[in-house]
PDB file of N, CA and C in Angstrom:
ATOM      1  N   MET A   1     -19.195 -12.312   8.405  1.00  0.00           N
ATOM      2  CA  MET A   1     -17.757 -12.483   8.541  1.00  0.00           C
ATOM      3  C   MET A   1     -17.136 -11.119   8.853  1.00  0.00           C
ATOM      4  N   THR A   2     -16.335 -11.068   9.884  1.00  0.00           N
ATOM      5  CA  THR A   2     -15.706  -9.808  10.259  1.00  0.00           C
ATOM      6  C   THR A   2     -14.329  -9.700   9.621  1.00  0.00           C
ATOM      7  N   LYS A   3     -13.957  -8.471   9.370  1.00  0.00           N
ATOM      8  CA  LYS A   3     -12.637  -8.214   8.803  1.00  0.00           C
ATOM      9  C   LYS A   3     -11.586  -8.249   9.911  1.00  0.00           C
ATOM     10  N   PRO A   4     -10.411  -8.821   9.612  1.00  0.00           N
ATOM     11  CA  PRO A   4      -9.324  -8.755  10.599  1.00  0.00           C
ATOM     12  C   PRO A   4      -8.809  -7.317  10.679  1.00  0.00           C
ATOM     13  N   PRO A   5      -8.231  -6.953  11.812  1.00  0.00           N
ATOM     14  CA  PRO A   5      -7.696  -5.597  11.919  1.00  0.00           C
ATOM     15  C   PRO A   5      -6.600  -5.372  10.873  1.00  0.00           C
ATOM     16  N   LEU A   6      -6.458  -4.125  10.438  1.00  0.00           N
ATOM     17  CA  LEU A   6      -5.443  -3.808   9.448  1.00  0.00           C
ATOM     18  C   LEU A   6      -4.048  -4.133   9.971  1.00  0.00           C
ATOM     19  N   MET A   7      -3.795  -3.768  11.214  1.00  0.00           N
ATOM     20  CA  MET A   7      -2.503  -4.086  11.812  1.00  0.00           C
ATOM     21  C   MET A   7      -2.723  -4.660  13.204  1.00  0.00           C
ATOM     22  N   THR A   8      -2.121  -5.793  13.441  1.00  0.00           N
ATOM     23  CA  THR A   8      -2.192  -6.421  14.752  1.00  0.00           C
ATOM     24  C   THR A   8      -1.116  -5.820  15.657  1.00  0.00           C
ATOM     25  N   PRO A   9      -1.194  -6.088  16.967  1.00  0.00           N
ATOM     26  CA  PRO A   9      -0.109  -5.629  17.854  1.00  0.00           C
ATOM     27  C   PRO A   9       1.264  -6.154  17.416  1.00  0.00           C
ATOM     28  N   ILE A  10       1.302  -7.355  16.882  1.00  0.00           N
ATOM     29  CA  ILE A  10       2.566  -7.913  16.385  1.00  0.00           C
ATOM     30  C   ILE A  10       3.077  -7.080  15.211  1.00  0.00           C
ATOM     31  N   ASP A  11       2.167  -6.668  14.320  1.00  0.00           N
ATOM     32  CA  ASP A  11       2.556  -5.813  13.192  1.00  0.00           C
ATOM     33  C   ASP A  11       3.096  -4.471  13.679  1.00  0.00           C
ATOM     34  N   TRP A  12       2.485  -3.926  14.724  1.00  0.00           N
ATOM     35  CA  TRP A  12       2.953  -2.645  15.277  1.00  0.00           C
ATOM     36  C   TRP A  12       4.358  -2.785  15.840  1.00  0.00           C
ATOM     37  N   ILE A  13       4.622  -3.879  16.551  1.00  0.00           N
ATOM     38  CA  ILE A  13       5.962  -4.121  17.093  1.00  0.00           C
ATOM     39  C   ILE A  13       6.973  -4.272  15.954  1.00  0.00           C
ATOM     40  N   GLY A  14       6.613  -5.047  14.961  1.00  0.00           N
ATOM     41  CA  GLY A  14       7.497  -5.224  13.798  1.00  0.00           C
ATOM     42  C   GLY A  14       7.746  -3.922  13.063  1.00  0.00           C
ATOM     43  N   SER A  15       6.707  -3.133  12.921  1.00  0.00           N
ATOM     44  CA  SER A  15       6.857  -1.840  12.241  1.00  0.00           C
ATOM     45  C   SER A  15       7.741  -0.889  13.033  1.00  0.00           C
ATOM     46  N   ALA A  16       7.584  -0.873  14.353  1.00  0.00           N
ATOM     47  CA  ALA A  16       8.426  -0.010  15.196  1.00  0.00           C
ATOM     48  C   ALA A  16       9.881  -0.454  15.120  1.00  0.00           C
ATOM     49  N   ALA A  17      10.117  -1.755  15.208  1.00  0.00           N
ATOM     50  CA  ALA A  17      11.483  -2.278  15.117  1.00  0.00           C
ATOM     51  C   ALA A  17      12.083  -1.955  13.750  1.00  0.00           C
ATOM     52  N   ALA A  18      11.311  -2.144  12.706  1.00  0.00           N
ATOM     53  CA  ALA A  18      11.785  -1.862  11.352  1.00  0.00           C
ATOM     54  C   ALA A  18      12.118  -0.381  11.182  1.00  0.00           C
ATOM     55  N   THR A  19      11.278   0.476  11.714  1.00  0.00           N
ATOM     56  CA  THR A  19      11.513   1.918  11.614  1.00  0.00           C
ATOM     57  C   THR A  19      12.800   2.312  12.331  1.00  0.00           C
ATOM     58  N   LEU A  20      12.992   1.801  13.537  1.00  0.00           N
ATOM     59  CA  LEU A  20      14.187   2.153  14.307  1.00  0.00           C
ATOM     60  C   LEU A  20      15.461   1.622  13.667  1.00  0.00           C
ATOM     61  N   THR A  21      15.472   0.371  13.254  1.00  0.00           N
ATOM     62  CA  THR A  21      16.700  -0.193  12.688  1.00  0.00           C
ATOM     63  C   THR A  21      17.012   0.388  11.309  1.00  0.00           C
ATOM     64  N   THR A  22      15.993   0.708  10.548  1.00  0.00           N
ATOM     65  CA  THR A  22      16.214   1.334   9.243  1.00  0.00           C
ATOM     66  C   THR A  22      16.706   2.763   9.404  1.00  0.00           C
ATOM     67  N   THR A  23      16.081   3.507  10.294  1.00  0.00           N
ATOM     68  CA  THR A  23      16.467   4.894  10.539  1.00  0.00           C
ATOM     69  C   THR A  23      17.897   4.987  11.047  1.00  0.00           C
ATOM     70  N   ALA A  24      18.354   3.979  11.765  1.00  0.00           N
ATOM     71  CA  ALA A  24      19.711   3.980  12.309  1.00  0.00           C
ATOM     72  C   ALA A  24      20.776   4.075  11.213  1.00  0.00           C
ATOM     73  N   PHE A  25      20.471   3.646  10.004  1.00  0.00           N
ATOM     74  CA  PHE A  25      21.456   3.686   8.927  1.00  0.00           C
ATOM     75  C   PHE A  25      21.530   5.031   8.206  1.00  0.00           C
ATOM     76  N   ILE A  26      20.562   5.877   8.396  1.00  0.00           N
ATOM     77  CA  ILE A  26      20.554   7.159   7.696  1.00  0.00           C
ATOM     78  C   ILE A  26      21.777   8.012   8.037  1.00  0.00           C
ATOM     79  N   PRO A  27      22.150   8.184   9.312  1.00  0.00           N
ATOM     80  CA  PRO A  27      23.340   9.007   9.593  1.00  0.00           C
ATOM     81  C   PRO A  27      24.619   8.479   8.935  1.00  0.00           C
ATOM     82  N   GLN A  28      24.812   7.166   8.930  1.00  0.00           N
ATOM     83  CA  GLN A  28      26.014   6.595   8.309  1.00  0.00           C
ATOM     84  C   GLN A  28      26.015   6.850   6.808  1.00  0.00           C
ATOM     85  N   ALA A  29      24.892   6.577   6.162  1.00  0.00           N
ATOM     86  CA  ALA A  29      24.806   6.793   4.712  1.00  0.00           C
ATOM     87  C   ALA A  29      24.996   8.271   4.381  1.00  0.00           C
ATOM     88  N   TRP A  30      24.402   9.151   5.158  1.00  0.00           N
ATOM     89  CA  TRP A  30      24.538  10.591   4.911  1.00  0.00           C
ATOM     90  C   TRP A  30      25.984  11.039   5.097  1.00  0.00           C
ATOM     91  N   GLN A  31      26.635  10.560   6.148  1.00  0.00           N
ATOM     92  CA  GLN A  31      28.033  10.927   6.418  1.00  0.00           C
ATOM     93  C   GLN A  31      28.938  10.504   5.263  1.00  0.00           C
ATOM     94  N   VAL A  32      28.770   9.277   4.802  1.00  0.00           N
ATOM     95  CA  VAL A  32      29.592   8.783   3.697  1.00  0.00           C
ATOM     96  C   VAL A  32      29.274   9.553   2.419  1.00  0.00           C
ATOM     97  N   TRP A  33      28.011   9.800   2.173  1.00  0.00           N
ATOM     98  CA  TRP A  33      27.603  10.541   0.974  1.00  0.00           C
ATOM     99  C   TRP A  33      28.207  11.951   0.988  1.00  0.00           C
ATOM    100  N   ARG A  34      28.164  12.595   2.130  1.00  0.00           N
ATOM    101  CA  ARG A  34      28.634  13.976   2.266  1.00  0.00           C
ATOM    102  C   ARG A  34      30.154  14.075   2.181  1.00  0.00           C
ATOM    103  N   THR A  35      30.872  13.172   2.854  1.00  0.00           N
ATOM    104  CA  THR A  35      32.328  13.289   2.964  1.00  0.00           C
ATOM    105  C   THR A  35      33.096  12.433   1.962  1.00  0.00           C
ATOM    106  N   ARG A  36      32.459  11.399   1.446  1.00  0.00           N
ATOM    107  CA  ARG A  36      33.115  10.407   0.575  1.00  0.00           C
ATOM    108  C   ARG A  36      34.241   9.674   1.304  1.00  0.00           C
ATOM    109  N   HIS A  37      34.257   9.755   2.620  1.00  0.00           N
ATOM    110  CA  HIS A  37      35.284   9.105   3.435  1.00  0.00           C
ATOM    111  C   HIS A  37      34.769   7.740   3.893  1.00  0.00           C
ATOM    112  N   THR A  38      35.456   6.683   3.474  1.00  0.00           N
ATOM    113  CA  THR A  38      35.031   5.325   3.817  1.00  0.00           C
ATOM    114  C   THR A  38      36.147   4.490   4.434  1.00  0.00           C
ATOM    115  N   ALA A  39      37.271   5.106   4.732  1.00  0.00           N
ATOM    116  CA  ALA A  39      38.427   4.355   5.230  1.00  0.00           C
ATOM    117  C   ALA A  39      38.114   3.598   6.527  1.00  0.00           C
ATOM    118  N   ASP A  40      37.278   4.152   7.365  1.00  0.00           N
ATOM    119  CA  ASP A  40      36.983   3.527   8.658  1.00  0.00           C
ATOM    120  C   ASP A  40      35.827   2.529   8.606  1.00  0.00           C
ATOM    121  N   ILE A  41      35.300   2.286   7.437  1.00  0.00           N
ATOM    122  CA  ILE A  41      34.175   1.360   7.286  1.00  0.00           C
ATOM    123  C   ILE A  41      34.700   0.002   6.822  1.00  0.00           C
ATOM    124  N   SER A  42      34.239  -1.052   7.444  1.00  0.00           N
ATOM    125  CA  SER A  42      34.658  -2.409   7.103  1.00  0.00           C
ATOM    126  C   SER A  42      33.938  -2.889   5.843  1.00  0.00           C
ATOM    127  N   LEU A  43      34.721  -3.188   4.812  1.00  0.00           N
ATOM    128  CA  LEU A  43      34.145  -3.713   3.571  1.00  0.00           C
ATOM    129  C   LEU A  43      33.462  -5.055   3.823  1.00  0.00           C
ATOM    130  N   GLY A  44      34.118  -5.928   4.581  1.00  0.00           N
ATOM    131  CA  GLY A  44      33.530  -7.238   4.871  1.00  0.00           C
ATOM    132  C   GLY A  44      32.203  -7.129   5.598  1.00  0.00           C
ATOM    133  N   MET A  45      32.150  -6.247   6.587  1.00  0.00           N
ATOM    134  CA  MET A  45      30.916  -6.081   7.352  1.00  0.00           C
ATOM    135  C   MET A  45      29.794  -5.587   6.460  1.00  0.00           C
ATOM    136  N   TYR A  46      30.066  -4.564   5.647  1.00  0.00           N
ATOM    137  CA  TYR A  46      29.003  -4.028   4.804  1.00  0.00           C
ATOM    138  C   TYR A  46      28.599  -5.001   3.709  1.00  0.00           C
ATOM    139  N   ALA A  47      29.534  -5.772   3.182  1.00  0.00           N
ATOM    140  CA  ALA A  47      29.186  -6.771   2.167  1.00  0.00           C
ATOM    141  C   ALA A  47      28.271  -7.838   2.768  1.00  0.00           C
ATOM    142  N   LEU A  48      28.649  -8.357   3.937  1.00  0.00           N
ATOM    143  CA  LEU A  48      27.817  -9.379   4.593  1.00  0.00           C
ATOM    144  C   LEU A  48      26.472  -8.797   5.036  1.00  0.00           C
ATOM    145  N   PHE A  49      26.494  -7.589   5.578  1.00  0.00           N
ATOM    146  CA  PHE A  49      25.260  -6.967   6.028  1.00  0.00           C
ATOM    147  C   PHE A  49      24.298  -6.743   4.865  1.00  0.00           C
ATOM    148  N   THR A  50      24.822  -6.243   3.748  1.00  0.00           N
ATOM    149  CA  THR A  50      23.971  -5.973   2.582  1.00  0.00           C
ATOM    150  C   THR A  50      23.380  -7.272   2.044  1.00  0.00           C
ATOM    151  N   LEU A  51      24.166  -8.328   2.008  1.00  0.00           N
ATOM    152  CA  LEU A  51      23.645  -9.634   1.589  1.00  0.00           C
ATOM    153  C   LEU A  51      22.568 -10.108   2.564  1.00  0.00           C
ATOM    154  N   GLY A  52      22.809  -9.945   3.862  1.00  0.00           N
ATOM    155  CA  GLY A  52      21.818 -10.327   4.862  1.00  0.00           C
ATOM    156  C   GLY A  52      20.511  -9.565   4.709  1.00  0.00           C
ATOM    157  N   VAL A  53      20.608  -8.273   4.443  1.00  0.00           N
ATOM    158  CA  VAL A  53      19.406  -7.466   4.242  1.00  0.00           C
ATOM    159  C   VAL A  53      18.656  -7.927   2.996  1.00  0.00           C
ATOM    160  N   ALA A  54      19.385  -8.255   1.939  1.00  0.00           N
ATOM    161  CA  ALA A  54      18.734  -8.765   0.725  1.00  0.00           C
ATOM    162  C   ALA A  54      17.989 -10.069   1.023  1.00  0.00           C
ATOM    163  N   LEU A  55      18.584 -10.917   1.853  1.00  0.00           N
ATOM    164  CA  LEU A  55      17.905 -12.167   2.220  1.00  0.00           C
ATOM    165  C   LEU A  55      16.694 -11.904   3.117  1.00  0.00           C
ATOM    166  N   TRP A  56      16.795 -10.929   4.038  1.00  0.00           N
ATOM    167  CA  TRP A  56      15.627 -10.548   4.850  1.00  0.00           C
ATOM    168  C   TRP A  56      14.514 -10.026   3.951  1.00  0.00           C
ATOM    169  N   LEU A  57      14.869  -9.269   2.926  1.00  0.00           N
ATOM    170  CA  LEU A  57      13.868  -8.770   1.985  1.00  0.00           C
ATOM    171  C   LEU A  57      13.182  -9.928   1.266  1.00  0.00           C
ATOM    172  N   ALA A  58      13.969 -10.893   0.803  1.00  0.00           N
ATOM    173  CA  ALA A  58      13.384 -12.069   0.142  1.00  0.00           C
ATOM    174  C   ALA A  58      12.451 -12.813   1.098  1.00  0.00           C
ATOM    175  N   TYR A  59      12.872 -12.956   2.340  1.00  0.00           N
ATOM    176  CA  TYR A  59      12.061 -13.605   3.370  1.00  0.00           C
ATOM    177  C   TYR A  59      10.742 -12.855   3.574  1.00  0.00           C
ATOM    178  N   GLY A  60      10.817 -11.538   3.675  1.00  0.00           N
ATOM    179  CA  GLY A  60       9.610 -10.728   3.836  1.00  0.00           C
ATOM    180  C   GLY A  60       8.663 -10.853   2.660  1.00  0.00           C
ATOM    181  N   ILE A  61       9.236 -10.904   1.459  1.00  0.00           N
ATOM    182  CA  ILE A  61       8.411 -11.072   0.254  1.00  0.00           C
ATOM    183  C   ILE A  61       7.712 -12.433   0.286  1.00  0.00           C
ATOM    184  N   LEU A  62       8.458 -13.464   0.648  1.00  0.00           N
ATOM    185  CA  LEU A  62       7.858 -14.804   0.710  1.00  0.00           C
ATOM    186  C   LEU A  62       6.748 -14.888   1.754  1.00  0.00           C
ATOM    187  N   LEU A  63       6.917 -14.170   2.866  1.00  0.00           N
ATOM    188  CA  LEU A  63       5.888 -14.147   3.913  1.00  0.00           C
ATOM    189  C   LEU A  63       4.778 -13.135   3.640  1.00  0.00           C
ATOM    190  N   GLU A  64       4.999 -12.280   2.651  1.00  0.00           N
ATOM    191  CA  GLU A  64       4.083 -11.172   2.362  1.00  0.00           C
ATOM    192  C   GLU A  64       3.908 -10.283   3.594  1.00  0.00           C
ATOM    193  N   SER A  65       5.034 -10.010   4.255  1.00  0.00           N
ATOM    194  CA  SER A  65       5.036  -9.188   5.469  1.00  0.00           C
ATOM    195  C   SER A  65       5.522  -7.791   5.128  1.00  0.00           C
ATOM    196  N   TRP A  66       4.571  -6.848   5.058  1.00  0.00           N
ATOM    197  CA  TRP A  66       4.921  -5.494   4.637  1.00  0.00           C
ATOM    198  C   TRP A  66       5.904  -4.784   5.550  1.00  0.00           C
ATOM    199  N   PRO A  67       5.839  -4.937   6.867  1.00  0.00           N
ATOM    200  CA  PRO A  67       6.883  -4.294   7.690  1.00  0.00           C
ATOM    201  C   PRO A  67       8.290  -4.777   7.331  1.00  0.00           C
ATOM    202  N   ILE A  68       8.445  -6.066   7.080  1.00  0.00           N
ATOM    203  CA  ILE A  68       9.752  -6.612   6.707  1.00  0.00           C
ATOM    204  C   ILE A  68      10.147  -6.135   5.313  1.00  0.00           C
ATOM    205  N   ILE A  69       9.217  -6.142   4.392  1.00  0.00           N
ATOM    206  CA  ILE A  69       9.507  -5.747   3.010  1.00  0.00           C
ATOM    207  C   ILE A  69       9.921  -4.280   2.935  1.00  0.00           C
ATOM    208  N   ILE A  70       9.125  -3.404   3.505  1.00  0.00           N
ATOM    209  CA  ILE A  70       9.403  -1.965   3.411  1.00  0.00           C
ATOM    210  C   ILE A  70      10.721  -1.616   4.101  1.00  0.00           C
ATOM    211  N   ALA A  71      10.901  -2.112   5.323  1.00  0.00           N
ATOM    212  CA  ALA A  71      12.125  -1.796   6.069  1.00  0.00           C
ATOM    213  C   ALA A  71      13.360  -2.284   5.332  1.00  0.00           C
ATOM    214  N   ASN A  72      13.300  -3.483   4.795  1.00  0.00           N
ATOM    215  CA  ASN A  72      14.486  -4.027   4.143  1.00  0.00           C
ATOM    216  C   ASN A  72      14.729  -3.447   2.763  1.00  0.00           C
ATOM    217  N   CYS A  73      13.702  -2.972   2.085  1.00  0.00           N
ATOM    218  CA  CYS A  73      13.919  -2.228   0.838  1.00  0.00           C
ATOM    219  C   CYS A  73      14.712  -0.952   1.120  1.00  0.00           C
ATOM    220  N   ILE A  74      14.285  -0.230   2.137  1.00  0.00           N
ATOM    221  CA  ILE A  74      14.960   1.027   2.487  1.00  0.00           C
ATOM    222  C   ILE A  74      16.367   0.748   3.007  1.00  0.00           C
ATOM    223  N   THR A  75      16.501  -0.233   3.903  1.00  0.00           N
ATOM    224  CA  THR A  75      17.819  -0.555   4.456  1.00  0.00           C
ATOM    225  C   THR A  75      18.758  -1.064   3.373  1.00  0.00           C
ATOM    226  N   LEU A  76      18.250  -1.850   2.439  1.00  0.00           N
ATOM    227  CA  LEU A  76      19.072  -2.339   1.334  1.00  0.00           C
ATOM    228  C   LEU A  76      19.573  -1.170   0.492  1.00  0.00           C
ATOM    229  N   LEU A  77      18.726  -0.204   0.254  1.00  0.00           N
ATOM    230  CA  LEU A  77      19.139   0.990  -0.492  1.00  0.00           C
ATOM    231  C   LEU A  77      20.242   1.739   0.254  1.00  0.00           C
ATOM    232  N   LEU A  78      20.050   1.956   1.559  1.00  0.00           N
ATOM    233  CA  LEU A  78      21.040   2.685   2.354  1.00  0.00           C
ATOM    234  C   LEU A  78      22.353   1.915   2.476  1.00  0.00           C
ATOM    235  N   ALA A  79      22.281   0.654   2.872  1.00  0.00           N
ATOM    236  CA  ALA A  79      23.494  -0.152   3.039  1.00  0.00           C
ATOM    237  C   ALA A  79      24.183  -0.383   1.694  1.00  0.00           C
ATOM    238  N   GLY A  80      23.395  -0.582   0.657  1.00  0.00           N
ATOM    239  CA  GLY A  80      23.964  -0.755  -0.680  1.00  0.00           C
ATOM    240  C   GLY A  80      24.683   0.494  -1.158  1.00  0.00           C
ATOM    241  N   THR A  81      24.139   1.651  -0.824  1.00  0.00           N
ATOM    242  CA  THR A  81      24.790   2.912  -1.177  1.00  0.00           C
ATOM    243  C   THR A  81      26.129   3.045  -0.459  1.00  0.00           C
ATOM    244  N   VAL A  82      26.146   2.759   0.842  1.00  0.00           N
ATOM    245  CA  VAL A  82      27.399   2.824   1.603  1.00  0.00           C
ATOM    246  C   VAL A  82      28.403   1.809   1.038  1.00  0.00           C
ATOM    247  N   LEU A  83      27.944   0.597   0.748  1.00  0.00           N
ATOM    248  CA  LEU A  83      28.824  -0.423   0.188  1.00  0.00           C
ATOM    249  C   LEU A  83      29.389   0.018  -1.160  1.00  0.00           C
ATOM    250  N   ALA A  84      28.557   0.561  -2.017  1.00  0.00           N
ATOM    251  CA  ALA A  84      29.018   1.034  -3.330  1.00  0.00           C
ATOM    252  C   ALA A  84      30.051   2.138  -3.181  1.00  0.00           C
ATOM    253  N   MET A  85      29.819   3.053  -2.242  1.00  0.00           N
ATOM    254  CA  MET A  85      30.790   4.127  -2.026  1.00  0.00           C
ATOM    255  C   MET A  85      32.087   3.592  -1.418  1.00  0.00           C
ATOM    256  N   LYS A  86      31.987   2.583  -0.571  1.00  0.00           N
ATOM    257  CA  LYS A  86      33.190   1.950  -0.024  1.00  0.00           C
ATOM    258  C   LYS A  86      34.003   1.333  -1.146  1.00  0.00           C
ATOM    259  N   LEU A  87      33.338   0.662  -2.069  1.00  0.00           N
ATOM    260  CA  LEU A  87      34.034   0.062  -3.202  1.00  0.00           C
ATOM    261  C   LEU A  87      34.634   1.134  -4.117  1.00  0.00           C
ATOM    262  N   LYS A  88      33.929   2.244  -4.284  1.00  0.00           N
ATOM    263  CA  LYS A  88      34.397   3.309  -5.176  1.00  0.00           C
ATOM    264  C   LYS A  88      35.522   4.129  -4.560  1.00  0.00           C
ATOM    265  N   PHE A  89      35.364   4.508  -3.305  1.00  0.00           N
ATOM    266  CA  PHE A  89      36.301   5.443  -2.674  1.00  0.00           C
ATOM    267  C   PHE A  89      37.332   4.756  -1.786  1.00  0.00           C
ATOM    268  N   GLY A  90      37.168   3.451  -1.553  1.00  0.00           N
ATOM    269  CA  GLY A  90      38.137   2.705  -0.763  1.00  0.00           C
ATOM    270  C   GLY A  90      37.994   2.984   0.677  1.00  0.00           C
TER     271      GLY A  90
END
């Protein structure tokens, strides 16, 4: 019996997509963290987005898909931080 490859081409595509979309949130989170300025950020958008990311994380856990799980854990942390600061600083 042969072992399946550790990562398939589909896993590589998913991992690349996860890396890019997760990394995209770092500048926003850093800017808010540094300046504490959240006036231009939509509370509704971040609330819905954070809920969506939490659901993507649950989906990844149910599928046991590590690219989905890892990316959404990190994105949930970043988006949740921005959302918390929006709630705190208005």
